[in-house]
N, C-alpha and C. Protein backbone atom coordinates (compact mmCIF):
# COMPACT_ATOMS: atom_id res chain seq x y z
N MET A 1 6.37 -33.08 -12.09
CA MET A 1 5.25 -32.36 -11.53
C MET A 1 4.88 -33.00 -10.20
N MET A 2 4.40 -32.14 -9.32
CA MET A 2 3.90 -32.63 -8.04
C MET A 2 2.84 -31.68 -7.53
N THR A 3 2.11 -32.10 -6.56
CA THR A 3 1.04 -31.27 -6.02
C THR A 3 1.51 -30.30 -4.95
N HIS A 4 2.74 -30.43 -4.49
CA HIS A 4 3.24 -29.56 -3.43
C HIS A 4 3.51 -28.14 -3.96
N MET A 5 3.03 -27.13 -3.23
CA MET A 5 3.30 -25.73 -3.57
C MET A 5 4.58 -25.32 -2.83
N TRP A 6 5.62 -25.01 -3.60
CA TRP A 6 6.90 -24.60 -3.03
C TRP A 6 6.85 -23.10 -2.77
N VAL A 7 6.85 -22.72 -1.49
CA VAL A 7 6.81 -21.31 -1.09
C VAL A 7 8.21 -20.94 -0.60
N TYR A 8 8.81 -19.96 -1.24
CA TYR A 8 10.18 -19.55 -0.92
C TYR A 8 10.17 -18.23 -0.16
N ASN A 9 11.15 -18.06 0.72
CA ASN A 9 11.46 -16.75 1.29
C ASN A 9 12.97 -16.60 1.21
N GLY A 10 13.41 -15.37 1.12
CA GLY A 10 14.84 -15.20 0.97
C GLY A 10 15.28 -13.77 1.05
N ALA A 11 16.55 -13.58 0.76
CA ALA A 11 17.15 -12.25 0.86
C ALA A 11 18.34 -12.15 -0.07
N LEU A 12 18.61 -10.93 -0.48
CA LEU A 12 19.77 -10.60 -1.30
C LEU A 12 20.87 -10.12 -0.37
N ASP A 13 22.11 -10.56 -0.60
CA ASP A 13 23.21 -10.15 0.28
C ASP A 13 23.51 -8.66 0.11
N ALA A 14 24.35 -8.14 0.99
CA ALA A 14 24.64 -6.71 1.02
C ALA A 14 25.27 -6.19 -0.28
N GLU A 15 26.01 -7.04 -0.98
CA GLU A 15 26.65 -6.63 -2.23
C GLU A 15 25.76 -6.85 -3.45
N ALA A 16 24.54 -7.36 -3.22
CA ALA A 16 23.58 -7.65 -4.29
C ALA A 16 24.14 -8.63 -5.32
N LYS A 17 24.88 -9.61 -4.82
CA LYS A 17 25.49 -10.62 -5.70
C LYS A 17 24.92 -12.03 -5.47
N VAL A 18 24.37 -12.30 -4.27
CA VAL A 18 23.87 -13.64 -3.96
C VAL A 18 22.44 -13.53 -3.41
N LEU A 19 21.52 -14.20 -4.10
CA LEU A 19 20.14 -14.30 -3.64
C LEU A 19 19.97 -15.68 -3.02
N THR A 20 19.64 -15.74 -1.73
CA THR A 20 19.44 -17.00 -1.03
C THR A 20 17.94 -17.19 -0.81
N LEU A 21 17.42 -18.33 -1.27
CA LEU A 21 16.01 -18.65 -1.15
C LEU A 21 15.85 -19.93 -0.34
N ASN A 22 15.02 -19.89 0.69
CA ASN A 22 14.77 -21.04 1.55
C ASN A 22 13.34 -21.53 1.37
N THR A 23 13.16 -22.84 1.47
CA THR A 23 11.82 -23.43 1.36
C THR A 23 11.81 -24.76 2.08
N GLU A 24 10.63 -25.32 2.20
CA GLU A 24 10.46 -26.64 2.78
C GLU A 24 9.52 -27.43 1.89
N GLY A 25 9.81 -28.71 1.72
CA GLY A 25 8.98 -29.53 0.87
C GLY A 25 9.25 -31.00 1.08
N PRO A 26 8.62 -31.83 0.26
CA PRO A 26 8.79 -33.29 0.41
C PRO A 26 10.25 -33.71 0.28
N SER A 27 10.66 -34.61 1.15
CA SER A 27 12.01 -35.15 1.08
C SER A 27 12.17 -35.95 -0.20
N PHE A 28 13.27 -35.75 -0.88
CA PHE A 28 13.54 -36.51 -2.10
C PHE A 28 13.92 -37.95 -1.79
N ALA A 29 14.07 -38.27 -0.49
CA ALA A 29 14.38 -39.64 -0.08
C ALA A 29 13.16 -40.55 -0.22
N GLY A 30 11.97 -39.95 -0.42
CA GLY A 30 10.76 -40.76 -0.58
C GLY A 30 10.26 -41.37 0.71
N ASP A 31 10.65 -40.78 1.85
CA ASP A 31 10.26 -41.33 3.15
C ASP A 31 8.99 -40.68 3.73
N GLY A 32 8.36 -39.80 2.96
CA GLY A 32 7.14 -39.14 3.41
C GLY A 32 7.36 -37.97 4.34
N LYS A 33 8.60 -37.66 4.66
CA LYS A 33 8.93 -36.55 5.55
C LYS A 33 9.10 -35.25 4.76
N GLN A 34 9.15 -34.14 5.51
CA GLN A 34 9.45 -32.84 4.93
C GLN A 34 10.95 -32.57 5.10
N ALA A 35 11.51 -31.79 4.19
CA ALA A 35 12.93 -31.42 4.26
C ALA A 35 13.07 -29.93 3.99
N LYS A 36 14.17 -29.36 4.45
CA LYS A 36 14.48 -27.95 4.18
C LYS A 36 15.42 -27.89 2.99
N TYR A 37 15.15 -26.93 2.11
CA TYR A 37 15.95 -26.75 0.90
C TYR A 37 16.41 -25.30 0.82
N ARG A 38 17.53 -25.11 0.13
CA ARG A 38 18.08 -23.76 -0.07
C ARG A 38 18.61 -23.66 -1.50
N ASP A 39 18.15 -22.64 -2.21
CA ASP A 39 18.68 -22.32 -3.53
C ASP A 39 19.43 -21.01 -3.42
N GLN A 40 20.59 -20.95 -4.06
CA GLN A 40 21.36 -19.71 -4.09
C GLN A 40 21.68 -19.37 -5.53
N ILE A 41 21.35 -18.15 -5.91
CA ILE A 41 21.67 -17.64 -7.24
C ILE A 41 22.77 -16.61 -7.06
N THR A 42 23.94 -16.89 -7.63
CA THR A 42 25.09 -16.01 -7.53
C THR A 42 25.30 -15.32 -8.86
N ILE A 43 25.36 -14.00 -8.83
CA ILE A 43 25.61 -13.21 -10.04
C ILE A 43 27.11 -13.06 -10.19
N LYS A 44 27.67 -13.75 -11.17
CA LYS A 44 29.11 -13.71 -11.42
C LYS A 44 29.48 -12.50 -12.26
N SER A 45 28.64 -12.17 -13.23
CA SER A 45 28.85 -11.01 -14.10
C SER A 45 27.50 -10.69 -14.76
N LYS A 46 27.48 -9.67 -15.62
CA LYS A 46 26.22 -9.35 -16.30
C LYS A 46 25.81 -10.45 -17.27
N ASP A 47 26.73 -11.35 -17.58
CA ASP A 47 26.46 -12.43 -18.53
C ASP A 47 26.48 -13.83 -17.92
N GLU A 48 26.68 -13.94 -16.61
CA GLU A 48 26.77 -15.27 -16.01
C GLU A 48 26.16 -15.31 -14.61
N ARG A 49 25.37 -16.36 -14.37
CA ARG A 49 24.79 -16.62 -13.06
C ARG A 49 24.95 -18.10 -12.74
N VAL A 50 25.07 -18.40 -11.45
CA VAL A 50 25.21 -19.79 -11.01
C VAL A 50 24.12 -20.07 -9.98
N LEU A 51 23.37 -21.15 -10.22
CA LEU A 51 22.34 -21.61 -9.29
C LEU A 51 22.84 -22.86 -8.60
N THR A 52 22.80 -22.87 -7.27
CA THR A 52 23.11 -24.09 -6.52
C THR A 52 21.90 -24.43 -5.66
N SER A 53 21.56 -25.71 -5.61
CA SER A 53 20.46 -26.19 -4.78
C SER A 53 21.01 -27.15 -3.75
N GLN A 54 20.52 -26.99 -2.51
CA GLN A 54 21.01 -27.79 -1.40
C GLN A 54 19.85 -28.29 -0.55
N VAL A 55 20.07 -29.40 0.14
CA VAL A 55 19.09 -29.94 1.08
C VAL A 55 19.78 -30.06 2.44
N ARG A 56 19.03 -29.77 3.48
CA ARG A 56 19.60 -29.84 4.83
C ARG A 56 19.60 -31.29 5.31
N GLN A 57 20.74 -31.72 5.82
CA GLN A 57 20.92 -33.08 6.32
C GLN A 57 20.49 -33.16 7.79
N ASP A 58 20.33 -34.37 8.30
CA ASP A 58 19.92 -34.58 9.69
C ASP A 58 20.90 -33.96 10.69
N ASP A 59 22.19 -33.88 10.31
CA ASP A 59 23.18 -33.30 11.23
C ASP A 59 23.27 -31.78 11.13
N GLY A 60 22.39 -31.16 10.32
CA GLY A 60 22.35 -29.70 10.19
C GLY A 60 23.20 -29.13 9.07
N THR A 61 24.00 -29.95 8.42
CA THR A 61 24.81 -29.47 7.30
C THR A 61 23.96 -29.44 6.03
N TRP A 62 24.45 -28.69 5.05
CA TRP A 62 23.76 -28.60 3.75
C TRP A 62 24.51 -29.43 2.73
N LYS A 63 23.76 -30.22 1.94
CA LYS A 63 24.35 -31.05 0.89
C LYS A 63 23.89 -30.53 -0.47
N ARG A 64 24.85 -30.14 -1.28
CA ARG A 64 24.53 -29.65 -2.62
C ARG A 64 24.14 -30.83 -3.50
N PHE A 65 23.02 -30.70 -4.22
CA PHE A 65 22.60 -31.76 -5.12
C PHE A 65 22.47 -31.29 -6.56
N MET A 66 22.63 -30.00 -6.79
CA MET A 66 22.54 -29.50 -8.16
C MET A 66 23.30 -28.18 -8.29
N THR A 67 23.97 -28.01 -9.41
CA THR A 67 24.59 -26.73 -9.78
C THR A 67 24.30 -26.50 -11.26
N ALA A 68 23.87 -25.29 -11.58
CA ALA A 68 23.63 -24.93 -12.98
C ALA A 68 24.27 -23.58 -13.24
N THR A 69 24.98 -23.47 -14.34
CA THR A 69 25.60 -22.21 -14.75
C THR A 69 24.86 -21.69 -15.97
N TYR A 70 24.45 -20.44 -15.89
CA TYR A 70 23.72 -19.79 -16.99
C TYR A 70 24.61 -18.72 -17.59
N ARG A 71 24.85 -18.80 -18.90
CA ARG A 71 25.68 -17.81 -19.59
C ARG A 71 24.92 -17.23 -20.78
N ARG A 72 25.02 -15.92 -20.91
CA ARG A 72 24.40 -15.23 -22.04
C ARG A 72 25.23 -15.51 -23.29
N VAL A 73 24.57 -15.87 -24.37
CA VAL A 73 25.24 -16.09 -25.65
C VAL A 73 25.14 -14.79 -26.44
N LYS A 74 26.29 -14.35 -26.89
CA LYS A 74 26.32 -13.07 -27.64
C LYS A 74 26.37 -13.32 -29.12
């Protein structure tokens, strides 16, 4: 838990398969700075989705720090 309110903005790609959400919040480095984050939810099928979370590095590249796969159990 934290006191920061994470406000996201984003868009769905043209094929309606990838939802990209952007936000800004406290750096996980604990340096008191703000960082840019990006979450992408990819729809693989009606029964599977993949969430990836990334943080923007000082050089402008994105570093993935989490991946989660969600599968429907039948």
